[in-house]
Amino acid sequence: MSIRGQLALGLLIAELFSKYADLSGEDKEISQKGIAMSWQWIEGKSVDPYDLCEYIDGETNLPYRSTKHERGSRANDVITSAWLIIGLIAFNACEEAEEIPSESVENFGDNEWNMLYDLSSKLDPADTQAIKSAEDKLVELTKSDQSKFGKPLNKPRLKN
């Protein structure tokens, strides 16, 4: 699967988590904006990678925001899944743009992907099945893609 395909799957996981918990208005709004901006990168739209890094290292600081919610709670899972995938996308967006990622974002990689994928096991069975279906579709859509990051992917196409 291409990098964009894998990251699109991570965004779908974060979106599924977002339906589970009532976050404070600000936490919910910030995580949704970051996820929406991340989808823009997946879809090949122009996104400033540093705007994505801001969610991890800047004033937004989703990793810190996650600590305000009880560890293991649905609210914590929502924020954690958002910062993991936004950080992964920020790292790859910087790499694609040949920009140096922010301090924390430069450390994002396989460990964060594994944490996000492991976190997805806490989703309800129907959502876990939706992730599996999306993963199968993404493998099919990206199997012939030989570019480093993968071709842009259309979000609505992934959900059908």
Protein backbone atom coordinates (compact mmCIF):
# COMPACT_ATOMS: atom_id res chain seq x y z
CA MET A 1 0.00 0.00 0.00
CA SER A 2 1.29 3.50 -0.74
CA ILE A 3 2.19 5.94 2.02
CA ARG A 4 -0.89 8.02 1.15
CA GLY A 5 -3.00 4.86 1.25
CA GLN A 6 -1.73 3.92 4.69
CA LEU A 7 -2.26 7.46 5.98
CA ALA A 8 -5.76 7.58 4.50
CA LEU A 9 -6.53 4.43 6.47
CA GLY A 10 -5.26 6.17 9.61
CA LEU A 11 -7.54 9.13 8.93
CA LEU A 12 -10.51 6.79 8.58
CA ILE A 13 -9.60 5.28 11.98
CA ALA A 14 -9.43 8.75 13.57
CA GLU A 15 -12.78 9.69 12.02
CA LEU A 16 -14.40 6.55 13.40
CA PHE A 17 -13.09 7.38 16.88
CA SER A 18 -14.42 10.92 16.61
CA LYS A 19 -18.00 9.69 16.60
CA TYR A 20 -17.57 7.98 20.00
CA ALA A 21 -16.97 10.70 22.53
CA ASP A 22 -18.17 14.09 23.52
CA LEU A 23 -15.11 16.27 23.60
CA SER A 24 -15.10 19.84 24.75
CA GLY A 25 -16.09 22.12 21.91
CA GLU A 26 -12.54 23.35 21.42
CA ASP A 27 -10.88 19.91 21.44
CA LYS A 28 -13.48 18.57 19.02
CA GLU A 29 -13.18 21.56 16.69
CA ILE A 30 -9.37 21.48 16.67
CA SER A 31 -9.12 17.74 16.02
CA GLN A 32 -11.73 17.93 13.24
CA LYS A 33 -9.90 20.84 11.58
CA GLY A 34 -6.62 18.95 11.71
CA ILE A 35 -8.21 15.83 10.23
CA ALA A 36 -9.83 17.90 7.46
CA MET A 37 -6.49 19.56 6.64
CA SER A 38 -4.84 16.14 6.61
CA TRP A 39 -7.41 14.87 4.11
CA GLN A 40 -6.46 17.78 1.85
CA TRP A 41 -2.89 16.46 1.72
CA ILE A 42 -4.13 12.92 1.01
CA GLU A 43 -6.24 14.33 -1.85
CA GLY A 44 -3.21 16.11 -3.32
CA LYS A 45 -4.30 19.63 -2.46
CA SER A 46 -1.78 22.27 -1.47
CA VAL A 47 -1.22 22.16 2.28
CA ASP A 48 1.53 23.96 4.15
CA PRO A 49 3.27 21.15 6.06
CA TYR A 50 4.06 23.54 8.90
CA ASP A 51 0.34 24.14 9.40
CA LEU A 52 0.07 20.40 10.10
CA CYS A 53 3.15 20.46 12.36
CA GLU A 54 1.41 23.19 14.37
CA TYR A 55 -1.07 20.57 15.63
CA ILE A 56 1.79 18.68 17.27
CA ASP A 57 4.41 21.26 18.26
CA GLY A 58 2.53 24.54 18.17
CA GLU A 59 -0.11 26.23 20.28
CA THR A 60 -2.67 23.61 19.26
CA ASN A 61 -0.54 20.85 20.84
CA LEU A 62 -2.85 17.84 20.48
CA PRO A 63 -0.45 15.58 22.43
CA TYR A 64 -0.85 17.83 25.48
CA ARG A 65 -4.61 18.10 24.96
CA SER A 66 -4.84 14.31 25.08
CA THR A 67 -3.46 14.35 28.64
CA LYS A 68 -6.49 16.36 29.81
CA HIS A 69 -8.67 13.29 29.26
CA GLU A 70 -8.53 10.17 31.38
CA ARG A 71 -6.12 7.62 29.93
CA GLY A 72 -8.03 4.88 28.13
CA SER A 73 -11.24 6.93 27.94
CA ARG A 74 -13.03 7.38 24.62
CA ALA A 75 -12.24 11.11 24.71
CA ASN A 76 -8.54 10.30 25.12
CA ASP A 77 -8.76 7.79 22.25
CA VAL A 78 -10.32 10.45 19.99
CA ILE A 79 -7.60 13.03 20.66
CA THR A 80 -4.80 10.44 20.61
CA SER A 81 -5.91 8.99 17.27
CA ALA A 82 -6.11 12.53 15.83
CA TRP A 83 -2.64 13.58 16.95
CA LEU A 84 -1.05 10.32 15.85
CA ILE A 85 -2.40 10.54 12.31
CA ILE A 86 -1.95 14.31 11.96
CA GLY A 87 1.66 13.93 13.11
CA LEU A 88 2.30 11.12 10.65
CA ILE A 89 0.82 13.16 7.82
CA ALA A 90 2.74 16.28 8.90
CA PHE A 91 5.99 14.27 8.77
CA ASN A 92 5.24 12.94 5.28
CA ALA A 93 3.98 16.30 4.01
CA CYS A 94 7.26 17.88 5.15
CA GLU A 95 9.27 15.11 3.52
CA GLU A 96 7.34 15.43 0.25
CA ALA A 97 7.82 19.23 0.26
CA GLU A 98 11.50 18.75 1.20
CA GLU A 99 10.98 20.81 4.35
CA ILE A 100 12.43 20.08 7.78
CA PRO A 101 9.65 18.93 10.14
CA SER A 102 9.14 20.53 13.53
CA GLU A 103 11.00 19.04 16.48
CA SER A 104 8.43 16.47 17.62
CA VAL A 105 7.11 15.70 14.16
CA GLU A 106 10.57 14.66 12.96
CA ASN A 107 10.30 11.69 15.34
CA PHE A 108 7.03 10.35 13.89
CA GLY A 109 7.25 7.01 12.15
CA ASP A 110 6.45 3.33 12.47
CA ASN A 111 5.96 3.46 16.24
CA GLU A 112 3.16 6.05 15.92
CA TRP A 113 1.58 4.09 13.08
CA ASN A 114 1.63 0.92 15.20
CA MET A 115 0.13 2.81 18.15
CA LEU A 116 -2.71 4.10 15.93
CA TYR A 117 -3.35 0.71 14.37
CA ASP A 118 -3.32 -0.96 17.81
CA LEU A 119 -5.71 1.71 19.11
CA SER A 120 -8.14 0.79 16.32
CA SER A 121 -8.75 -2.52 18.10
CA LYS A 122 -10.83 -0.50 20.60
CA LEU A 123 -13.35 0.38 17.88
CA ASP A 124 -16.71 -1.38 17.79
CA PRO A 125 -16.82 -4.54 15.64
CA ALA A 126 -18.75 -2.84 12.81
CA ASP A 127 -16.14 -0.08 12.69
CA THR A 128 -13.31 -2.62 12.77
CA GLN A 129 -14.94 -4.30 9.76
CA ALA A 130 -15.22 -0.92 8.01
CA ILE A 131 -11.48 -0.40 8.55
CA LYS A 132 -10.74 -3.84 7.10
CA SER A 133 -12.90 -3.09 4.05
CA ALA A 134 -11.21 0.28 3.57
CA GLU A 135 -7.80 -1.36 3.91
CA ASP A 136 -8.68 -3.91 1.22
CA LYS A 137 -9.92 -1.14 -1.05
CA LEU A 138 -6.78 0.96 -0.46
CA VAL A 139 -4.52 -1.98 -1.26
CA GLU A 140 -6.41 -2.43 -4.53
CA LEU A 141 -6.36 1.30 -5.38
CA THR A 142 -2.65 1.73 -4.68
CA LYS A 143 -1.15 -1.60 -5.76
CA SER A 144 0.21 -0.31 -9.06
CA ASP A 145 1.35 3.06 -7.66
CA GLN A 146 5.13 3.21 -7.78
CA SER A 147 5.63 6.83 -6.65
CA LYS A 148 7.25 7.42 -3.25
CA PHE A 149 4.19 8.86 -1.47
CA GLY A 150 1.50 7.55 -3.75
CA LYS A 151 -0.96 9.33 -5.95
CA PRO A 152 -3.62 11.54 -4.38
CA LEU A 153 -6.65 9.64 -3.11
CA ASN A 154 -10.22 10.83 -3.17
CA LYS A 155 -11.91 10.45 0.23
CA PRO A 156 -15.46 9.82 -1.05
CA ARG A 157 -14.12 7.06 -3.30
CA LEU A 158 -12.69 5.28 -0.26
CA LYS A 159 -15.98 5.17 1.59
CA ASN A 160 -18.03 3.58 -1.20
